[in-house]
């Protein structure tokens, strides 16, 4: 069933145009990299505050309020462009171990973020500017940094291994 779905996806007219055209793939890839840069950069601003390495003069709630709109907007663009890139050669990407790890890491990053927001709901306003955040917040921020750096690394390795024999 999955191979049929992947074949259908990569045979869609938009996927064929991306795969066989001279310019669509590189333009979409540029947008994807730009979006990921904004996602990772805006998340890193929050994470570095959580772990206590930056912006200690501002509250976590303030940093989060400023960064999250950028993060979500960029994430939507990254998801759309990533989906288009994936569709262009779905069966090959689906079999690439770095792509598989990247998807798993994105899911783990989402789970980490969801748990952080669930467990810290309503408490971030109490984490004053110069005070240290709770250990759970520091762990969540550190883990998030590691996950997003790993996601970026896997994304680069996809490009280096996509046509390599497995």
Protein backbone atom coordinates (compact mmCIF):
# COMPACT_ATOMS: atom_id res chain seq x y z
CA UNK A 1 0.00 0.00 0.00
CA UNK A 2 2.75 2.49 0.93
CA UNK A 3 4.71 1.97 -2.32
CA UNK A 4 1.52 2.66 -4.29
CA UNK A 5 0.83 5.83 -2.31
CA UNK A 6 4.41 7.04 -2.81
CA UNK A 7 4.22 6.32 -6.55
CA UNK A 8 0.90 8.18 -6.81
CA UNK A 9 2.36 11.14 -4.93
CA UNK A 10 5.45 11.44 -7.09
CA UNK A 11 3.34 11.10 -10.26
CA UNK A 12 1.23 14.14 -9.41
CA UNK A 13 1.69 16.89 -12.03
CA UNK A 14 3.25 19.27 -9.50
CA UNK A 15 5.74 16.60 -8.37
CA UNK A 16 6.69 15.81 -11.97
CA UNK A 17 7.16 19.52 -12.71
CA UNK A 18 9.42 19.91 -9.67
CA UNK A 19 11.44 16.79 -10.49
CA UNK A 20 11.80 17.36 -14.23
CA UNK A 21 12.02 21.14 -14.37
CA UNK A 22 15.27 23.05 -14.28
CA UNK A 23 14.38 25.66 -11.68
CA UNK A 24 11.48 24.61 -9.46
CA UNK A 25 13.42 22.21 -7.23
CA UNK A 26 16.25 24.65 -6.43
CA UNK A 27 13.83 27.52 -5.75
CA UNK A 28 11.67 25.39 -3.47
CA UNK A 29 14.78 24.08 -1.74
CA UNK A 30 16.00 27.65 -1.15
CA UNK A 31 12.66 28.55 0.43
CA UNK A 32 12.81 25.37 2.53
CA UNK A 33 16.30 26.20 3.82
CA UNK A 34 15.28 29.79 4.56
CA UNK A 35 12.20 28.61 6.43
CA UNK A 36 14.20 26.07 8.44
CA UNK A 37 16.73 28.76 9.29
CA UNK A 38 13.93 30.90 10.70
CA UNK A 39 12.39 27.95 12.54
CA UNK A 40 15.65 26.86 14.13
CA UNK A 41 16.82 30.42 14.81
CA UNK A 42 13.60 31.50 16.50
CA UNK A 43 13.43 28.29 18.52
CA UNK A 44 17.07 28.72 19.52
CA UNK A 45 16.28 32.18 20.92
CA UNK A 46 13.75 30.62 23.29
CA UNK A 47 15.89 27.58 24.03
CA UNK A 48 18.97 29.64 24.85
CA UNK A 49 16.85 31.67 27.28
CA UNK A 50 15.48 28.50 28.85
CA UNK A 51 18.95 27.08 29.46
CA UNK A 52 20.11 30.45 30.80
CA UNK A 53 22.70 31.29 28.14
CA UNK A 54 21.02 34.33 26.57
CA UNK A 55 18.47 37.09 27.18
CA UNK A 56 18.45 36.61 30.93
CA UNK A 57 17.26 40.20 31.31
CA UNK A 58 13.95 39.24 29.67
CA UNK A 59 11.35 36.84 30.92
CA UNK A 60 10.76 33.52 29.19
CA UNK A 61 7.16 34.57 28.51
CA UNK A 62 8.32 37.73 26.73
CA UNK A 63 10.88 35.89 24.60
CA UNK A 64 8.36 33.19 23.73
CA UNK A 65 5.69 35.73 22.77
CA UNK A 66 8.12 37.44 20.40
CA UNK A 67 9.56 34.27 18.85
CA UNK A 68 6.58 31.93 18.44
CA UNK A 69 4.77 33.81 15.65
CA UNK A 70 7.97 33.68 13.59
CA UNK A 71 8.49 30.03 14.47
CA UNK A 72 5.00 28.93 13.45
CA UNK A 73 4.92 30.98 10.24
CA UNK A 74 8.30 29.62 9.19
CA UNK A 75 7.31 26.08 10.20
CA UNK A 76 4.25 26.21 7.93
CA UNK A 77 6.44 27.35 5.03
CA UNK A 78 9.01 24.65 5.83
CA UNK A 79 6.31 21.97 5.93
CA UNK A 80 4.83 23.07 2.60
CA UNK A 81 8.17 23.31 0.83
CA UNK A 82 9.40 20.09 2.44
CA UNK A 83 6.24 18.33 1.31
CA UNK A 84 6.77 19.55 -2.24
CA UNK A 85 10.39 18.41 -2.24
CA UNK A 86 9.36 15.04 -0.83
CA UNK A 87 6.61 14.61 -3.43
CA UNK A 88 9.09 15.18 -6.25
CA UNK A 89 10.70 11.81 -5.55
CA UNK A 90 8.67 10.31 -2.72
CA UNK A 91 9.75 6.68 -3.06
CA UNK A 92 13.45 7.58 -3.00
CA UNK A 93 13.13 10.00 -0.08
CA UNK A 94 11.00 7.57 1.91
CA UNK A 95 13.78 4.98 1.68
CA UNK A 96 16.56 7.36 2.70
CA UNK A 97 17.70 6.71 6.28
CA UNK A 98 18.59 10.37 6.90
CA UNK A 99 15.13 11.44 5.77
CA UNK A 100 13.59 8.84 8.09
CA UNK A 101 15.70 10.04 11.02
CA UNK A 102 14.86 13.68 10.21
CA UNK A 103 11.13 12.94 10.33
CA UNK A 104 11.55 11.05 13.61
CA UNK A 105 13.55 13.93 15.11
CA UNK A 106 10.89 16.45 14.03
CA UNK A 107 8.28 14.33 15.80
CA UNK A 108 10.46 14.15 18.92
CA UNK A 109 11.03 17.93 18.82
CA UNK A 110 7.27 18.43 18.59
CA UNK A 111 6.71 16.07 21.52
CA UNK A 112 9.38 17.88 23.55
CA UNK A 113 7.76 21.23 22.80
CA UNK A 114 4.30 19.95 23.59
CA UNK A 115 5.41 18.51 26.93
CA UNK A 116 7.26 21.71 27.80
CA UNK A 117 4.22 23.87 27.07
CA UNK A 118 1.90 21.48 28.90
CA UNK A 119 4.08 21.31 32.01
CA UNK A 120 4.95 25.01 32.09
CA UNK A 121 1.49 26.37 31.31
CA UNK A 122 0.93 29.56 33.26
CA UNK A 123 4.24 29.33 35.09
CA UNK A 124 6.58 31.11 32.66
CA UNK A 125 5.41 34.56 33.81
CA UNK A 126 6.80 33.70 37.26
CA UNK A 127 10.28 32.99 35.87
CA UNK A 128 11.65 36.47 36.42
CA UNK A 129 14.26 38.02 34.21
CA UNK A 130 17.42 37.28 36.12
CA UNK A 131 16.25 34.09 37.79
CA UNK A 132 17.19 30.66 36.62
CA UNK A 133 14.47 28.63 34.94
CA UNK A 134 13.39 25.34 36.52
CA UNK A 135 15.48 22.28 35.70
CA UNK A 136 12.70 20.81 33.53
CA UNK A 137 12.68 23.96 31.39
CA UNK A 138 16.47 23.90 31.04
CA UNK A 139 16.34 20.24 30.02
CA UNK A 140 13.56 20.92 27.49
CA UNK A 141 15.51 23.85 26.02
CA UNK A 142 18.75 21.88 25.79
CA UNK A 143 17.01 18.89 24.26
CA UNK A 144 15.27 21.15 21.77
CA UNK A 145 18.58 22.68 20.68
CA UNK A 146 20.10 19.22 20.18
CA UNK A 147 17.06 17.98 18.26
CA UNK A 148 16.87 20.97 15.88
CA UNK A 149 20.61 20.94 15.18
CA UNK A 150 20.30 17.22 14.43
CA UNK A 151 17.30 17.88 12.16
CA UNK A 152 19.36 20.38 10.17
CA UNK A 153 22.28 17.94 9.96
CA UNK A 154 20.05 15.13 8.72
CA UNK A 155 18.56 17.48 6.14
CA UNK A 156 22.02 18.20 4.77
CA UNK A 157 22.91 14.50 4.72
CA UNK A 158 19.79 13.74 2.70
CA UNK A 159 21.24 15.78 -0.14
CA UNK A 160 24.55 13.93 0.03
CA UNK A 161 23.01 10.44 0.16
CA UNK A 162 19.80 10.64 -1.83
CA UNK A 163 21.25 8.92 -4.90
CA UNK A 164 23.79 6.80 -3.06
CA UNK A 165 23.28 3.05 -3.00
CA UNK A 166 21.99 1.74 0.31
